[in-house]
Amino acid sequence: MQVKKVATYVAVAFVVFYLFTRPAEAATAVNGVLDGIMNGADQLATFFSQVVT
């Protein structure tokens, strides 16, 4: 259990470090993740609308 907590702290520290040292790249990465989520949501909506009709 302790290893999981340490790994979480290390991951959070890395994200914060990345945000402060490379903010443009971090913003691009977040936009890519959000675009992927939106694309997935659109695909699910298309799937369910085809199932219902």
N, C-alpha and C. Protein backbone atom coordinates (compact mmCIF):
# COMPACT_ATOMS: atom_id res chain seq x y z
N MET A 1 0.83 -1.20 0.00
CA MET A 1 0.00 0.00 0.00
C MET A 1 0.87 1.26 0.00
N GLN A 2 1.97 1.20 0.70
CA GLN A 2 2.87 2.36 0.79
C GLN A 2 3.49 2.68 -0.57
N VAL A 3 3.81 1.64 -1.34
CA VAL A 3 4.42 1.84 -2.65
C VAL A 3 3.45 2.59 -3.56
N LYS A 4 2.18 2.25 -3.49
CA LYS A 4 1.17 2.91 -4.32
C LYS A 4 1.08 4.40 -3.98
N LYS A 5 1.15 4.73 -2.70
CA LYS A 5 1.09 6.13 -2.27
C LYS A 5 2.31 6.90 -2.77
N VAL A 6 3.49 6.31 -2.67
CA VAL A 6 4.71 6.96 -3.14
C VAL A 6 4.66 7.14 -4.65
N ALA A 7 4.20 6.12 -5.37
CA ALA A 7 4.09 6.22 -6.82
C ALA A 7 3.12 7.33 -7.23
N THR A 8 2.04 7.48 -6.49
CA THR A 8 1.08 8.55 -6.77
C THR A 8 1.72 9.92 -6.57
N TYR A 9 2.46 10.08 -5.48
CA TYR A 9 3.14 11.36 -5.22
C TYR A 9 4.18 11.66 -6.30
N VAL A 10 4.90 10.65 -6.73
CA VAL A 10 5.90 10.84 -7.78
C VAL A 10 5.22 11.25 -9.09
N ALA A 11 4.11 10.62 -9.42
CA ALA A 11 3.39 10.95 -10.65
C ALA A 11 2.86 12.38 -10.60
N VAL A 12 2.30 12.78 -9.46
CA VAL A 12 1.78 14.15 -9.32
C VAL A 12 2.92 15.15 -9.42
N ALA A 13 4.05 14.85 -8.78
CA ALA A 13 5.21 15.74 -8.84
C ALA A 13 5.71 15.88 -10.28
N PHE A 14 5.71 14.78 -11.03
CA PHE A 14 6.14 14.83 -12.42
C PHE A 14 5.20 15.71 -13.25
N VAL A 15 3.91 15.56 -13.04
CA VAL A 15 2.93 16.37 -13.79
C VAL A 15 3.12 17.85 -13.48
N VAL A 16 3.28 18.18 -12.21
CA VAL A 16 3.48 19.59 -11.83
C VAL A 16 4.77 20.12 -12.44
N PHE A 17 5.84 19.34 -12.37
CA PHE A 17 7.12 19.74 -12.97
C PHE A 17 6.95 19.97 -14.47
N TYR A 18 6.26 19.07 -15.14
CA TYR A 18 6.03 19.19 -16.59
C TYR A 18 5.23 20.44 -16.91
N LEU A 19 4.21 20.73 -16.09
CA LEU A 19 3.39 21.92 -16.33
C LEU A 19 4.20 23.20 -16.21
N PHE A 20 5.11 23.25 -15.25
CA PHE A 20 5.89 24.46 -15.04
C PHE A 20 7.07 24.59 -16.00
N THR A 21 7.65 23.48 -16.45
CA THR A 21 8.81 23.57 -17.32
C THR A 21 8.45 23.61 -18.80
N ARG A 22 7.34 22.99 -19.17
CA ARG A 22 6.91 22.95 -20.57
C ARG A 22 5.40 23.16 -20.67
N PRO A 23 4.94 24.37 -20.40
CA PRO A 23 3.49 24.61 -20.39
C PRO A 23 2.83 24.45 -21.76
N ALA A 24 3.51 24.81 -22.82
CA ALA A 24 2.91 24.68 -24.15
C ALA A 24 2.70 23.21 -24.51
N GLU A 25 3.71 22.39 -24.23
CA GLU A 25 3.58 20.96 -24.53
C GLU A 25 2.53 20.31 -23.64
N ALA A 26 2.45 20.76 -22.39
CA ALA A 26 1.43 20.23 -21.48
C ALA A 26 0.03 20.57 -21.98
N ALA A 27 -0.14 21.79 -22.46
CA ALA A 27 -1.44 22.20 -22.99
C ALA A 27 -1.80 21.38 -24.23
N THR A 28 -0.82 21.13 -25.07
CA THR A 28 -1.06 20.31 -26.26
C THR A 28 -1.46 18.89 -25.86
N ALA A 29 -0.80 18.35 -24.85
CA ALA A 29 -1.14 17.00 -24.39
C ALA A 29 -2.56 16.95 -23.83
N VAL A 30 -2.94 17.96 -23.05
CA VAL A 30 -4.30 17.99 -22.49
C VAL A 30 -5.32 18.13 -23.60
N ASN A 31 -5.04 18.98 -24.58
CA ASN A 31 -5.96 19.13 -25.71
C ASN A 31 -6.11 17.82 -26.47
N GLY A 32 -5.02 17.08 -26.63
CA GLY A 32 -5.08 15.79 -27.31
C GLY A 32 -5.95 14.80 -26.55
N VAL A 33 -5.80 14.77 -25.23
CA VAL A 33 -6.62 13.87 -24.41
C VAL A 33 -8.09 14.26 -24.50
N LEU A 34 -8.37 15.55 -24.40
CA LEU A 34 -9.76 16.01 -24.47
C LEU A 34 -10.37 15.73 -25.85
N ASP A 35 -9.58 15.92 -26.90
CA ASP A 35 -10.07 15.60 -28.24
C ASP A 35 -10.39 14.11 -28.37
N GLY A 36 -9.55 13.28 -27.78
CA GLY A 36 -9.80 11.84 -27.81
C GLY A 36 -11.07 11.47 -27.06
N ILE A 37 -11.29 12.10 -25.92
CA ILE A 37 -12.50 11.84 -25.14
C ILE A 37 -13.73 12.29 -25.92
N MET A 38 -13.66 13.46 -26.52
CA MET A 38 -14.80 13.96 -27.28
C MET A 38 -15.08 13.07 -28.50
N ASN A 39 -14.03 12.61 -29.17
CA ASN A 39 -14.20 11.72 -30.31
C ASN A 39 -14.85 10.41 -29.86
N GLY A 40 -14.41 9.88 -28.74
CA GLY A 40 -15.01 8.66 -28.22
C GLY A 40 -16.47 8.85 -27.86
N ALA A 41 -16.79 9.99 -27.26
CA ALA A 41 -18.18 10.28 -26.90
C ALA A 41 -19.04 10.40 -28.16
N ASP A 42 -18.51 11.03 -29.19
CA ASP A 42 -19.24 11.15 -30.46
C ASP A 42 -19.49 9.77 -31.08
N GLN A 43 -18.48 8.92 -31.01
CA GLN A 43 -18.63 7.57 -31.57
C GLN A 43 -19.68 6.77 -30.79
N LEU A 44 -19.67 6.90 -29.46
CA LEU A 44 -20.69 6.22 -28.66
C LEU A 44 -22.09 6.74 -28.97
N ALA A 45 -22.20 8.06 -29.13
CA ALA A 45 -23.51 8.64 -29.47
C ALA A 45 -24.00 8.11 -30.81
N THR A 46 -23.10 8.02 -31.78
CA THR A 46 -23.46 7.49 -33.09
C THR A 46 -23.89 6.03 -32.98
N PHE A 47 -23.15 5.26 -32.21
CA PHE A 47 -23.49 3.85 -32.01
C PHE A 47 -24.88 3.69 -31.40
N PHE A 48 -25.15 4.42 -30.32
CA PHE A 48 -26.44 4.27 -29.66
C PHE A 48 -27.58 4.81 -30.50
N SER A 49 -27.34 5.87 -31.28
CA SER A 49 -28.42 6.35 -32.14
C SER A 49 -28.72 5.34 -33.25
N GLN A 50 -27.72 4.61 -33.72
CA GLN A 50 -27.94 3.57 -34.72
C GLN A 50 -28.64 2.36 -34.12
N VAL A 51 -28.37 2.04 -32.87
CA VAL A 51 -29.00 0.91 -32.20
C VAL A 51 -30.49 1.20 -31.96
N VAL A 52 -30.80 2.41 -31.57
CA VAL A 52 -32.18 2.78 -31.25
C VAL A 52 -33.04 2.85 -32.50
N THR A 53 -32.49 3.28 -33.62
CA THR A 53 -33.29 3.43 -34.83
C THR A 53 -33.43 2.14 -35.58
